[in-house]
Amino acid sequence: MYQVENSESTVRSQEAGRPRSRWWRLVSTNVLFLGLTSLFTDISSEMVATVLPLYIIFTLHLSPLQYGFIDGLYQGAAVLALLVSGIAADRWQRYKAVAAVGYGLSAICRLGLLLIGTSLGAIAALVMVDRTGKGIRTSPRDTLIALSTPPNQLATALGVHRAFDTAGSMLGPLVAFLLLSLAPGTFDAIFVVSFCFALIGVGILALFVEPRRADPATAAHLCQAKHQVGKGALRCASCRLAPHVLPGASLRAAIGLLRRPRFAMVVASGTALGLATLSDGFIYLNLQRQLDLTVGFFPLLYVVTSFIYMLLAVPAGRLADLFGRGRMFLAGNALLMIVYLLLLVPNIPSAALFSSVLFLGAYYAATDGVLVALASAMLPARLRASGLALLSTATGIARLCASVLFGILWMWVGAQGALVCFSLGLLATTLVTALSLRLVEPGSNGV
């Protein structure tokens, strides 16, 4: 992935090769602290996210189409900042600093929720700002994980991170449920507690996560190529003004990554599947309607999904590293198809219908970090954040379109009819993806 050029990276490499007997020893301390940052941030985020469907549908009495718009923003608004932050992080080699901006922006939004009232426009604007913060932090954070991890353990490291991340996703709805149970309707209390958790996450990132940079030899090579300096020079006069800038990082260079056939195929596959992926909110609204759940138990659906995701994230990452990341990604989408089918079967027992929540958690464990690891292995170190941002942008736009499309279909042909359309779309795109990923050259990190 990158050459070891100094004693610090040599020590990290030697430590990475030692046998480790516990799952938390499979990864570096940087990955663990990034995991803790995500844990507290996700507690904060999910406390708010899990009450939004209830608030919009049952309190504000808005239509499914309007909820689809808000949910689409929540799913896809991060794409507005993904490419910018990825390119900036690569160019300036400030992955930790860029990630901190994203985490801090999301934390500030928690306080904003206390002031916006019940206006749909204000809620939409705040969701956009919050998700923009997520977009800013995502690719620099994943790049920090990649730069802190040996290549053949990347899916495992991302699985460990996602386990922490998902523990926060599990605890957030649980805290929201407890607060609503103790004091029904006290959304202000949820927003204040949410801000406190977000602040802890930012503090862990600032105090304990070590910055990482791409191979310094790469920077020297790019400098020589751009400014035509001699081989003996580490950087030219113009680069001394900004010694950590990589001249090759730009929007043009990021888009140019799509000329790499293997990476382009992964981006195309993730985008196509994103267009057929139903958001959690719509899945849970279907479950709530069929199971006739009381409103107070709605956040617990998120808890169950996150718990399964947390349990399976590390094993799924290990299996992906050992047997193929592409295979694991396809298996995860097959699990999502099972979720759709369970929601479509008429007169299905409640226990079988509820099992769709378990399959949804397994789907996330098998696809989320695995797709990032699959793409990361195909990217040069100097443009890794840019490439991961490009992938997240494409899949984010696809999921935004999917949420809006499902809302339109729900209004047009009903919930079941919309679900049939998405099931057919998921089946078709999964089959095409299975065929296309077979063209990706196999290897230690291949399909």
Foldseek 3Di string as FASTA:
>chain_A
DADDDDPVVVVLVVLCPDDDDDLVSNFDVLLVLLLLLLLLLLLLVLLVVLCVVCCVCPVVVDALLLVLLLVLLLLFLLLVQQLVLLLVCLFQVFLLVQLLQLLVQLLVLLVVVVPDPSDSVSSSVSSSSNSVSVSRNPLSSLLLRVQRHDLLQSLLSLLLSLLSNLNSLQNNLVVSLVVCVVPNPPVVVSSVVSSVSSVVSSVSSVPPNDRDGGHLQQQQVQQCVPVVDDPVDSHDPVCVVRVRGRVQRDPVNLVVLCVPPLLVLLLVLLLLLLLLDDDPSLLLVLLCVVVVDDPSCSSNLSNLLSVLLSVQQNVLSVCCLAPNLLVLLLVLLVLLLVLLVLSQDPPDDSVSNSCSSNSNSSSCSSHPSSSLSLNQVSDDSSSSSSNSSSSSNSSSNSNSNNSSVLSVCCVVVNNNRSSVVSSVSSVVSSVVSVVSQVPNDDDSHGD
